[in-house]
Amino acid sequence: MIRQTSIFAGTALAIALAGLLPAELQAAGDPQSGKEKAQVCEACHGATGESVDPSYPNLAGQHESYLVKALSDYRSGARDNAIMKGFAGSLSNQDIEDLAAWYANQDGLKDLSIK
């Protein structure tokens, strides 16, 4: 009985603490959903996040947490880019998580050497 009570208490504590996390840290991105949402991004960032033009960054293989932060900052205006603000402005937190999961799951960032 004591063991069940301690397991229940630990589970309850974990759930309570998870509720204190910001929404960005609670959500889990769905790469497949992100792939569908990324169609509008393809014009500049390519079908899988490998940019079609060197003036646009490659997103393929980028760290998921970085992509979440960047898109959130474009949406809020903390990161200033008129084009990206327009695209990110209508994204929900889940949209951002899904897009980040999609691009993070692509091959990329293999050659990190400075040329």
Protein backbone atom coordinates (compact mmCIF):
# COMPACT_ATOMS: atom_id res chain seq x y z
CA MET A 1 0.00 0.00 0.00
CA ILE A 2 2.81 2.42 0.81
CA ARG A 3 4.50 1.68 -2.53
CA GLN A 4 1.29 2.43 -4.47
CA THR A 5 0.83 5.68 -2.57
CA SER A 6 4.40 6.82 -3.33
CA ILE A 7 4.01 5.95 -7.02
CA PHE A 8 0.72 7.87 -7.16
CA ALA A 9 2.28 10.84 -5.35
CA GLY A 10 5.25 10.85 -7.74
CA THR A 11 2.97 10.69 -10.78
CA ALA A 12 0.77 13.48 -9.42
CA LEU A 13 3.83 15.62 -8.77
CA ALA A 14 5.13 15.06 -12.31
CA ILE A 15 1.78 16.01 -13.81
CA ALA A 16 1.56 19.12 -11.64
CA LEU A 17 5.09 20.20 -12.57
CA ALA A 18 4.41 19.62 -16.28
CA GLY A 19 1.49 22.02 -15.98
CA LEU A 20 3.91 24.73 -14.91
CA LEU A 21 6.01 24.43 -18.07
CA PRO A 22 5.50 26.97 -20.85
CA ALA A 23 3.29 25.69 -23.66
CA GLU A 24 6.28 25.62 -26.01
CA LEU A 25 7.98 23.04 -23.81
CA GLN A 26 4.89 20.88 -23.35
CA ALA A 27 3.84 20.47 -26.95
CA ALA A 28 5.24 17.69 -29.05
CA GLY A 29 5.67 18.27 -32.74
CA ASP A 30 4.33 15.84 -35.32
CA PRO A 31 6.74 15.61 -38.28
CA GLN A 32 4.06 14.30 -40.67
CA SER A 33 1.74 17.17 -39.84
CA GLY A 34 4.72 19.52 -40.17
CA LYS A 35 5.42 18.18 -43.66
CA GLU A 36 1.90 19.11 -44.72
CA LYS A 37 2.16 22.56 -43.12
CA ALA A 38 5.58 23.17 -44.72
CA GLN A 39 4.23 23.36 -48.27
CA VAL A 40 4.15 27.16 -48.11
CA CYS A 41 7.81 27.15 -46.94
CA GLU A 42 9.00 25.17 -49.98
CA ALA A 43 9.26 28.16 -52.30
CA CYS A 44 12.25 29.52 -50.37
CA HIS A 45 13.46 26.66 -48.17
CA GLY A 46 12.98 23.72 -50.57
CA ALA A 47 10.79 20.64 -50.25
CA THR A 48 12.81 19.12 -47.40
CA GLY A 49 14.37 22.27 -45.99
CA GLU A 50 17.38 22.37 -48.29
CA SER A 51 17.22 25.91 -49.60
CA VAL A 52 16.84 26.53 -53.32
CA ASP A 53 18.68 29.85 -53.04
CA PRO A 54 21.75 30.64 -50.92
CA SER A 55 20.07 33.76 -49.56
CA TYR A 56 17.56 31.57 -47.67
CA PRO A 57 18.77 29.39 -44.79
CA ASN A 58 18.70 25.61 -44.90
CA LEU A 59 16.26 24.25 -42.33
CA ALA A 60 16.88 20.53 -42.92
CA GLY A 61 18.44 18.89 -39.88
CA GLN A 62 18.38 22.08 -37.83
CA HIS A 63 17.88 21.64 -34.09
CA GLU A 64 14.19 21.44 -33.24
CA SER A 65 14.50 23.77 -30.26
CA TYR A 66 16.22 26.38 -32.43
CA LEU A 67 13.46 26.24 -35.04
CA VAL A 68 10.76 26.59 -32.37
CA LYS A 69 12.56 29.62 -30.92
CA ALA A 70 13.15 31.23 -34.32
CA LEU A 71 9.57 30.81 -35.52
CA SER A 72 8.18 31.99 -32.18
CA ASP A 73 10.43 35.05 -32.33
CA TYR A 74 9.38 35.85 -35.91
CA ARG A 75 5.74 35.52 -34.85
CA SER A 76 6.16 37.85 -31.86
CA GLY A 77 8.37 40.34 -33.68
CA ALA A 78 11.34 39.67 -31.38
CA ARG A 79 13.18 38.57 -34.51
CA ASP A 80 12.74 41.17 -37.24
CA ASN A 81 12.09 39.95 -40.77
CA ALA A 82 9.05 41.26 -42.62
CA ILE A 83 8.70 38.17 -44.83
CA MET A 84 9.00 35.66 -41.99
CA LYS A 85 6.76 37.75 -39.71
CA GLY A 86 4.05 37.48 -42.35
CA PHE A 87 4.37 33.70 -42.54
CA ALA A 88 4.90 33.04 -38.83
CA GLY A 89 2.31 35.53 -37.63
CA SER A 90 -0.58 33.14 -38.18
CA LEU A 91 1.10 30.02 -36.80
CA SER A 92 -0.17 28.40 -33.62
CA ASN A 93 2.22 26.92 -31.06
CA GLN A 94 1.32 23.46 -32.41
CA ASP A 95 2.03 24.59 -36.01
CA ILE A 96 5.47 25.76 -34.90
CA GLU A 97 6.15 22.49 -33.06
CA ASP A 98 5.05 20.46 -36.09
CA LEU A 99 7.17 22.46 -38.54
CA ALA A 100 10.19 22.25 -36.25
CA ALA A 101 9.75 18.48 -35.90
CA TRP A 102 9.51 18.06 -39.69
CA TYR A 103 12.65 20.03 -40.49
CA ALA A 104 14.64 18.60 -37.57
CA ASN A 105 13.93 15.08 -38.85
CA GLN A 106 15.40 15.79 -42.28
CA ASP A 107 19.00 15.08 -43.26
CA GLY A 108 21.17 18.13 -42.92
CA LEU A 109 23.82 19.86 -40.88
CA LYS A 110 26.30 17.16 -41.84
CA ASP A 111 29.17 19.39 -42.86
CA LEU A 112 29.74 21.90 -40.08
CA SER A 113 33.25 22.81 -41.19
CA ILE A 114 34.11 26.42 -41.87
CA LYS A 115 35.08 27.00 -45.49
